[in-house]
Amino acid sequence: MIQTLRKNALYIALVQAIVAVLGSLYFSNILMYPPCVLCWFQRIAMFPLFITLIVGILLKDRNVHLYVLPPALIGWCISLYHNLLYYKFIPDTLAPCSTGVSCTTKYVEYFGFVTIPLLAFIAFSIIIIAVIEHRKYLK
């Protein structure tokens, strides 16, 4: 079972990246929620990942982790900061969103705690774990 998951981990990462991109576009273009500054930076990290993963899968590149992990880790760090700010572990005075949309605006809250910043954090986490597990499969 673990070997099957590791073997297909890049596909799992690809599906997660596609879902994250489509979800982001849905929130901003259909529901018309304007993204904050931190959301834009997370998009910058996430949007190219699905293309990078497709190329890595098609080329059967054993080093796909080398060019997927850096933007995923950067996006994960930004997402972690965004969540700490959103859930008030970091004061609002440290928010980079001084003008425009606030980084702590609550647009959605599924099940009472699942927010847009948390969805981004989970997406980056799944991609990172999947790529690392795929690398373990190749060894």
N, C-alpha and C. Protein backbone atom coordinates (compact mmCIF):
# COMPACT_ATOMS: atom_id res chain seq x y z
N MET A 1 0.82 -1.20 0.00
CA MET A 1 0.00 0.00 0.00
C MET A 1 0.86 1.26 0.00
N ILE A 2 1.85 1.30 0.90
CA ILE A 2 2.73 2.47 0.97
C ILE A 2 3.50 2.63 -0.33
N GLN A 3 3.98 1.52 -0.89
CA GLN A 3 4.73 1.59 -2.15
C GLN A 3 3.84 2.11 -3.28
N THR A 4 2.58 1.71 -3.30
CA THR A 4 1.65 2.19 -4.32
C THR A 4 1.43 3.69 -4.18
N LEU A 5 1.28 4.16 -2.95
CA LEU A 5 1.12 5.60 -2.72
C LEU A 5 2.37 6.35 -3.14
N ARG A 6 3.54 5.83 -2.79
CA ARG A 6 4.79 6.49 -3.17
C ARG A 6 4.96 6.50 -4.68
N LYS A 7 4.61 5.40 -5.33
CA LYS A 7 4.73 5.31 -6.79
C LYS A 7 3.85 6.36 -7.47
N ASN A 8 2.67 6.59 -6.94
CA ASN A 8 1.71 7.53 -7.53
C ASN A 8 1.71 8.90 -6.85
N ALA A 9 2.70 9.17 -6.04
CA ALA A 9 2.73 10.41 -5.26
C ALA A 9 2.77 11.66 -6.14
N LEU A 10 3.47 11.60 -7.27
CA LEU A 10 3.49 12.77 -8.14
C LEU A 10 2.12 13.07 -8.71
N TYR A 11 1.35 12.03 -8.99
CA TYR A 11 -0.02 12.24 -9.47
C TYR A 11 -0.89 12.85 -8.38
N ILE A 12 -0.67 12.42 -7.15
CA ILE A 12 -1.40 13.00 -6.01
C ILE A 12 -1.04 14.49 -5.88
N ALA A 13 0.25 14.81 -6.00
CA ALA A 13 0.69 16.20 -5.93
C ALA A 13 0.09 17.01 -7.08
N LEU A 14 0.05 16.42 -8.27
CA LEU A 14 -0.52 17.11 -9.42
C LEU A 14 -2.00 17.39 -9.22
N VAL A 15 -2.75 16.41 -8.77
CA VAL A 15 -4.18 16.61 -8.53
C VAL A 15 -4.37 17.70 -7.47
N GLN A 16 -3.57 17.67 -6.43
CA GLN A 16 -3.68 18.69 -5.38
C GLN A 16 -3.38 20.07 -5.93
N ALA A 17 -2.36 20.20 -6.75
CA ALA A 17 -2.02 21.50 -7.33
C ALA A 17 -3.14 22.00 -8.24
N ILE A 18 -3.72 21.12 -9.04
CA ILE A 18 -4.82 21.52 -9.92
C ILE A 18 -6.03 21.95 -9.09
N VAL A 19 -6.36 21.20 -8.05
CA VAL A 19 -7.49 21.56 -7.18
C VAL A 19 -7.23 22.91 -6.52
N ALA A 20 -6.00 23.15 -6.08
CA ALA A 20 -5.67 24.42 -5.43
C ALA A 20 -5.79 25.59 -6.40
N VAL A 21 -5.30 25.42 -7.62
CA VAL A 21 -5.39 26.49 -8.62
C VAL A 21 -6.86 26.76 -8.97
N LEU A 22 -7.62 25.70 -9.23
CA LEU A 22 -9.03 25.88 -9.56
C LEU A 22 -9.81 26.49 -8.39
N GLY A 23 -9.50 26.05 -7.17
CA GLY A 23 -10.15 26.62 -6.00
C GLY A 23 -9.85 28.09 -5.84
N SER A 24 -8.60 28.46 -6.05
CA SER A 24 -8.20 29.86 -5.96
C SER A 24 -8.92 30.71 -7.00
N LEU A 25 -8.97 30.20 -8.22
CA LEU A 25 -9.68 30.92 -9.29
C LEU A 25 -11.18 31.00 -9.01
N TYR A 26 -11.73 29.95 -8.43
CA TYR A 26 -13.16 29.94 -8.06
C TYR A 26 -13.46 31.01 -7.02
N PHE A 27 -12.62 31.08 -5.98
CA PHE A 27 -12.85 32.07 -4.93
C PHE A 27 -12.75 33.49 -5.47
N SER A 28 -11.78 33.74 -6.35
CA SER A 28 -11.58 35.12 -6.80
C SER A 28 -12.42 35.50 -8.01
N ASN A 29 -12.65 34.58 -8.94
CA ASN A 29 -13.34 34.95 -10.18
C ASN A 29 -14.82 34.62 -10.20
N ILE A 30 -15.25 33.66 -9.41
CA ILE A 30 -16.67 33.31 -9.39
C ILE A 30 -17.35 33.89 -8.15
N LEU A 31 -16.75 33.64 -6.97
CA LEU A 31 -17.32 34.20 -5.75
C LEU A 31 -16.93 35.66 -5.54
N MET A 32 -15.96 36.13 -6.34
CA MET A 32 -15.50 37.52 -6.32
C MET A 32 -14.87 37.95 -5.00
N TYR A 33 -14.17 37.03 -4.33
CA TYR A 33 -13.42 37.39 -3.13
C TYR A 33 -12.06 37.92 -3.57
N PRO A 34 -11.76 39.16 -3.27
CA PRO A 34 -10.45 39.69 -3.68
C PRO A 34 -9.33 39.09 -2.82
N PRO A 35 -8.24 38.64 -3.44
CA PRO A 35 -7.14 38.06 -2.65
C PRO A 35 -6.32 39.14 -1.95
N CYS A 36 -5.83 38.80 -0.78
CA CYS A 36 -4.95 39.71 -0.04
C CYS A 36 -3.52 39.56 -0.56
N VAL A 37 -2.62 40.33 -0.02
CA VAL A 37 -1.22 40.29 -0.44
C VAL A 37 -0.60 38.91 -0.24
N LEU A 38 -0.84 38.31 0.91
CA LEU A 38 -0.28 36.99 1.18
C LEU A 38 -0.87 35.94 0.25
N CYS A 39 -2.15 36.08 -0.07
CA CYS A 39 -2.77 35.15 -1.03
C CYS A 39 -2.11 35.27 -2.39
N TRP A 40 -1.78 36.48 -2.81
CA TRP A 40 -1.10 36.65 -4.09
C TRP A 40 0.25 35.94 -4.09
N PHE A 41 1.01 36.09 -3.03
CA PHE A 41 2.31 35.42 -2.96
C PHE A 41 2.17 33.90 -2.97
N GLN A 42 1.14 33.41 -2.31
CA GLN A 42 0.90 31.96 -2.32
C GLN A 42 0.50 31.49 -3.72
N ARG A 43 -0.26 32.30 -4.42
CA ARG A 43 -0.62 31.97 -5.80
C ARG A 43 0.62 31.94 -6.70
N ILE A 44 1.51 32.88 -6.48
CA ILE A 44 2.74 32.90 -7.26
C ILE A 44 3.51 31.61 -7.07
N ALA A 45 3.48 31.06 -5.89
CA ALA A 45 4.16 29.79 -5.63
C ALA A 45 3.38 28.60 -6.15
N MET A 46 2.04 28.64 -6.07
CA MET A 46 1.21 27.47 -6.41
C MET A 46 0.96 27.33 -7.90
N PHE A 47 0.65 28.41 -8.58
CA PHE A 47 0.19 28.30 -9.97
C PHE A 47 1.17 27.58 -10.89
N PRO A 48 2.48 27.83 -10.82
CA PRO A 48 3.39 27.10 -11.72
C PRO A 48 3.59 25.64 -11.34
N LEU A 49 3.22 25.25 -10.12
CA LEU A 49 3.49 23.88 -9.68
C LEU A 49 2.77 22.84 -10.52
N PHE A 50 1.53 23.11 -10.94
CA PHE A 50 0.84 22.07 -11.70
C PHE A 50 1.48 21.88 -13.07
N ILE A 51 2.00 22.95 -13.66
CA ILE A 51 2.70 22.81 -14.95
C ILE A 51 4.02 22.07 -14.74
N THR A 52 4.73 22.44 -13.70
CA THR A 52 6.01 21.80 -13.39
C THR A 52 5.82 20.31 -13.12
N LEU A 53 4.78 19.97 -12.39
CA LEU A 53 4.50 18.56 -12.11
C LEU A 53 4.12 17.79 -13.37
N ILE A 54 3.34 18.40 -14.24
CA ILE A 54 2.99 17.74 -15.50
C ILE A 54 4.25 17.46 -16.32
N VAL A 55 5.12 18.45 -16.44
CA VAL A 55 6.36 18.27 -17.20
C VAL A 55 7.22 17.19 -16.56
N GLY A 56 7.36 17.21 -15.25
CA GLY A 56 8.15 16.20 -14.55
C GLY A 56 7.60 14.80 -14.75
N ILE A 57 6.28 14.67 -14.73
CA ILE A 57 5.65 13.36 -14.93
C ILE A 57 5.84 12.88 -16.36
N LEU A 58 5.59 13.76 -17.32
CA LEU A 58 5.72 13.38 -18.73
C LEU A 58 7.15 13.00 -19.11
N LEU A 59 8.12 13.72 -18.55
CA LEU A 59 9.52 13.44 -18.85
C LEU A 59 10.10 12.34 -17.96
N LYS A 60 9.29 11.87 -17.01
CA LYS A 60 9.76 10.87 -16.05
C LYS A 60 11.08 11.31 -15.39
N ASP A 61 11.11 12.57 -15.04
CA ASP A 61 12.31 13.17 -14.46
C ASP A 61 12.49 12.73 -13.01
N ARG A 62 13.59 12.06 -12.75
CA ARG A 62 13.88 11.59 -11.39
C ARG A 62 14.21 12.74 -10.44
N ASN A 63 14.51 13.89 -10.99
CA ASN A 63 14.87 15.05 -10.18
C ASN A 63 13.74 16.07 -10.07
N VAL A 64 12.53 15.65 -10.30
CA VAL A 64 11.40 16.56 -10.25
C VAL A 64 11.31 17.26 -8.89
N HIS A 65 11.74 16.59 -7.86
CA HIS A 65 11.69 17.19 -6.52
C HIS A 65 12.55 18.45 -6.42
N LEU A 66 13.61 18.51 -7.23
CA LEU A 66 14.52 19.67 -7.17
C LEU A 66 13.86 20.96 -7.63
N TYR A 67 12.90 20.86 -8.53
CA TYR A 67 12.25 22.09 -8.98
C TYR A 67 10.80 22.22 -8.53
N VAL A 68 10.27 21.24 -7.81
CA VAL A 68 8.94 21.37 -7.23
C VAL A 68 9.03 21.81 -5.77
N LEU A 69 9.98 21.25 -5.05
CA LEU A 69 10.07 21.55 -3.61
C LEU A 69 10.37 23.02 -3.29
N PRO A 70 11.28 23.70 -3.98
CA PRO A 70 11.56 25.10 -3.59
C PRO A 70 10.33 26.02 -3.61
N PRO A 71 9.57 26.10 -4.72
CA PRO A 71 8.39 26.97 -4.65
C PRO A 71 7.32 26.46 -3.69
N ALA A 72 7.21 25.14 -3.55
CA ALA A 72 6.22 24.58 -2.61
C ALA A 72 6.60 24.94 -1.17
N LEU A 73 7.87 24.87 -0.85
CA LEU A 73 8.31 25.23 0.51
C LEU A 73 8.16 26.72 0.78
N ILE A 74 8.45 27.53 -0.22
CA ILE A 74 8.26 28.99 -0.07
C ILE A 74 6.78 29.28 0.15
N GLY A 75 5.91 28.69 -0.66
CA GLY A 75 4.47 28.87 -0.50
C GLY A 75 3.99 28.37 0.85
N TRP A 76 4.56 27.24 1.30
CA TRP A 76 4.19 26.68 2.60
C TRP A 76 4.55 27.66 3.72
N CYS A 77 5.73 28.25 3.65
CA CYS A 77 6.16 29.22 4.68
C CYS A 77 5.25 30.45 4.70
N ILE A 78 4.93 30.96 3.52
CA ILE A 78 4.02 32.11 3.44
C ILE A 78 2.65 31.72 3.99
N SER A 79 2.21 30.53 3.65
CA SER A 79 0.92 30.04 4.13
C SER A 79 0.91 29.85 5.64
N LEU A 80 2.00 29.34 6.18
CA LEU A 80 2.11 29.19 7.64
C LEU A 80 2.00 30.56 8.31
N TYR A 81 2.74 31.54 7.80
CA TYR A 81 2.68 32.89 8.34
C TYR A 81 1.25 33.44 8.25
N HIS A 82 0.62 33.22 7.10
CA HIS A 82 -0.75 33.70 6.89
C HIS A 82 -1.71 33.08 7.90
N ASN A 83 -1.57 31.80 8.16
CA ASN A 83 -2.43 31.13 9.14
C ASN A 83 -2.17 31.62 10.56
N LEU A 84 -0.91 31.80 10.90
CA LEU A 84 -0.59 32.32 12.23
C LEU A 84 -1.18 33.72 12.43
N LEU A 85 -1.14 34.50 11.37
CA LEU A 85 -1.74 35.84 11.41
C LEU A 85 -3.27 35.75 11.47
N TYR A 86 -3.83 34.88 10.68
CA TYR A 86 -5.28 34.72 10.58
C TYR A 86 -5.89 34.24 11.88
N TYR A 87 -5.23 33.28 12.52
CA TYR A 87 -5.76 32.72 13.78
C TYR A 87 -5.24 33.45 15.01
N LYS A 88 -4.67 34.64 14.80
CA LYS A 88 -4.27 35.58 15.87
C LYS A 88 -3.11 35.10 16.73
N PHE A 89 -2.25 34.22 16.21
CA PHE A 89 -1.02 33.87 16.92
C PHE A 89 0.01 34.97 16.72
N ILE A 90 -0.14 35.71 15.63
CA ILE A 90 0.71 36.86 15.33
C ILE A 90 -0.21 38.08 15.32
N PRO A 91 0.21 39.19 15.94
CA PRO A 91 -0.67 40.37 15.99
C PRO A 91 -0.89 40.99 14.60
N ASP A 92 -2.03 41.63 14.42
CA ASP A 92 -2.37 42.28 13.15
C ASP A 92 -1.37 43.36 12.75
N THR A 93 -0.65 43.88 13.71
CA THR A 93 0.33 44.92 13.40
C THR A 93 1.47 44.38 12.52
N LEU A 94 1.66 43.05 12.49
CA LEU A 94 2.70 42.45 11.66
C LEU A 94 2.17 41.98 10.31
N ALA A 95 0.93 42.35 10.00
CA ALA A 95 0.33 41.96 8.72
C ALA A 95 0.86 42.84 7.60
N PRO A 96 1.24 42.23 6.47
CA PRO A 96 1.72 43.04 5.34
C PRO A 96 0.57 43.70 4.58
N CYS A 97 -0.65 43.38 4.96
CA CYS A 97 -1.83 43.89 4.25
C CYS A 97 -2.26 45.21 4.89
N SER A 98 -1.47 46.25 4.72
CA SER A 98 -1.80 47.53 5.33
C SER A 98 -2.81 48.31 4.50
N THR A 99 -2.85 48.07 3.19
CA THR A 99 -3.86 48.70 2.33
C THR A 99 -4.56 47.61 1.53
N GLY A 100 -5.77 47.90 1.12
CA GLY A 100 -6.52 46.91 0.33
C GLY A 100 -7.18 45.89 1.23
N VAL A 101 -7.25 44.66 0.73
CA VAL A 101 -7.92 43.58 1.44
C VAL A 101 -7.08 43.14 2.64
N SER A 102 -7.72 42.98 3.78
CA SER A 102 -7.02 42.51 4.98
C SER A 102 -6.68 41.03 4.85
N CYS A 103 -5.55 40.65 5.40
CA CYS A 103 -5.12 39.25 5.37
C CYS A 103 -5.91 38.39 6.35
N THR A 104 -6.73 39.03 7.17
CA THR A 104 -7.50 38.28 8.16
C THR A 104 -9.01 38.33 7.90
N THR A 105 -9.41 38.80 6.72
CA THR A 105 -10.83 38.83 6.37
C THR A 105 -11.35 37.41 6.23
N LYS A 106 -12.47 37.13 6.91
CA LYS A 106 -13.06 35.79 6.84
C LYS A 106 -14.11 35.75 5.75
N TYR A 107 -13.78 35.05 4.66
CA TYR A 107 -14.74 34.86 3.58
C TYR A 107 -15.50 33.56 3.76
N VAL A 108 -14.79 32.50 4.08
CA VAL A 108 -15.43 31.20 4.29
C VAL A 108 -14.86 30.58 5.56
N GLU A 109 -15.64 29.73 6.17
CA GLU A 109 -15.19 29.00 7.35
C GLU A 109 -15.98 27.70 7.41
N TYR A 110 -15.48 26.70 6.68
CA TYR A 110 -16.14 25.40 6.64
C TYR A 110 -15.90 24.66 7.96
N PHE A 111 -16.92 24.02 8.47
CA PHE A 111 -16.86 23.24 9.72
C PHE A 111 -16.40 24.09 10.90
N GLY A 112 -16.49 25.39 10.78
CA GLY A 112 -16.13 26.28 11.87
C GLY A 112 -14.65 26.61 12.00
N PHE A 113 -13.79 26.01 11.16
CA PHE A 113 -12.36 26.31 11.28
C PHE A 113 -11.59 26.23 9.96
N VAL A 114 -12.13 25.64 8.92
CA VAL A 114 -11.41 25.49 7.65
C VAL A 114 -11.61 26.76 6.83
N THR A 115 -10.53 27.52 6.71
CA THR A 115 -10.57 28.81 6.01
C THR A 115 -9.73 28.74 4.73
N ILE A 116 -9.79 29.79 3.94
CA ILE A 116 -8.99 29.83 2.71
C ILE A 116 -7.49 29.72 3.02
N PRO A 117 -6.96 30.45 4.01
CA PRO A 117 -5.53 30.27 4.32
C PRO A 117 -5.20 28.83 4.77
N LEU A 118 -6.09 28.20 5.50
CA LEU A 118 -5.84 26.81 5.92
C LEU A 118 -5.87 25.86 4.73
N LEU A 119 -6.78 26.09 3.78
CA LEU A 119 -6.83 25.28 2.58
C LEU A 119 -5.50 25.37 1.80
N ALA A 120 -4.95 26.57 1.71
CA ALA A 120 -3.67 26.75 1.02
C ALA A 120 -2.55 26.03 1.76
N PHE A 121 -2.55 26.12 3.08
CA PHE A 121 -1.53 25.45 3.88
C PHE A 121 -1.60 23.93 3.69
N ILE A 122 -2.81 23.39 3.69
CA ILE A 122 -2.99 21.95 3.49
C ILE A 122 -2.54 21.55 2.10
N ALA A 123 -2.87 22.35 1.10
CA ALA A 123 -2.47 22.04 -0.28
C ALA A 123 -0.96 22.00 -0.42
N PHE A 124 -0.27 23.01 0.09
CA PHE A 124 1.19 23.00 0.02
C PHE A 124 1.77 21.82 0.79
N SER A 125 1.19 21.51 1.94
CA SER A 125 1.68 20.39 2.75
C SER A 125 1.54 19.07 2.00
N ILE A 126 0.40 18.85 1.37
CA ILE A 126 0.18 17.61 0.61
C ILE A 126 1.18 17.50 -0.54
N ILE A 127 1.40 18.59 -1.25
CA ILE A 127 2.35 18.57 -2.37
C ILE A 127 3.75 18.26 -1.88
N ILE A 128 4.17 18.89 -0.81
CA ILE A 128 5.51 18.66 -0.26
C ILE A 128 5.67 17.21 0.19
N ILE A 129 4.71 16.71 0.94
CA ILE A 129 4.77 15.32 1.42
C ILE A 129 4.78 14.35 0.24
N ALA A 130 3.93 14.60 -0.75
CA ALA A 130 3.85 13.70 -1.90
C ALA A 130 5.16 13.66 -2.67
N VAL A 131 5.78 14.80 -2.87
CA VAL A 131 7.05 14.84 -3.62
C VAL A 131 8.15 14.14 -2.82
N ILE A 132 8.19 14.34 -1.53
CA ILE A 132 9.18 13.66 -0.69
C ILE A 132 8.95 12.15 -0.72
N GLU A 133 7.70 11.72 -0.63
CA GLU A 133 7.40 10.29 -0.68
C GLU A 133 7.75 9.69 -2.03
N HIS A 134 7.54 10.43 -3.11
CA HIS A 134 7.93 9.95 -4.44
C HIS A 134 9.44 9.76 -4.51
N ARG A 135 10.15 10.70 -3.92
CA ARG A 135 11.63 10.59 -3.89
C ARG A 135 12.06 9.33 -3.14
N LYS A 136 11.39 9.01 -2.06
CA LYS A 136 11.69 7.78 -1.31
C LYS A 136 11.43 6.54 -2.17
N TYR A 137 10.39 6.60 -2.99
CA TYR A 137 10.08 5.47 -3.88
C TYR A 137 11.20 5.24 -4.89
N LEU A 138 11.83 6.32 -5.34
CA LEU A 138 12.88 6.18 -6.36
C LEU A 138 14.18 5.62 -5.80
N LYS A 139 14.38 5.70 -4.51
CA LYS A 139 15.65 5.23 -3.91
C LYS A 139 15.71 3.74 -3.82
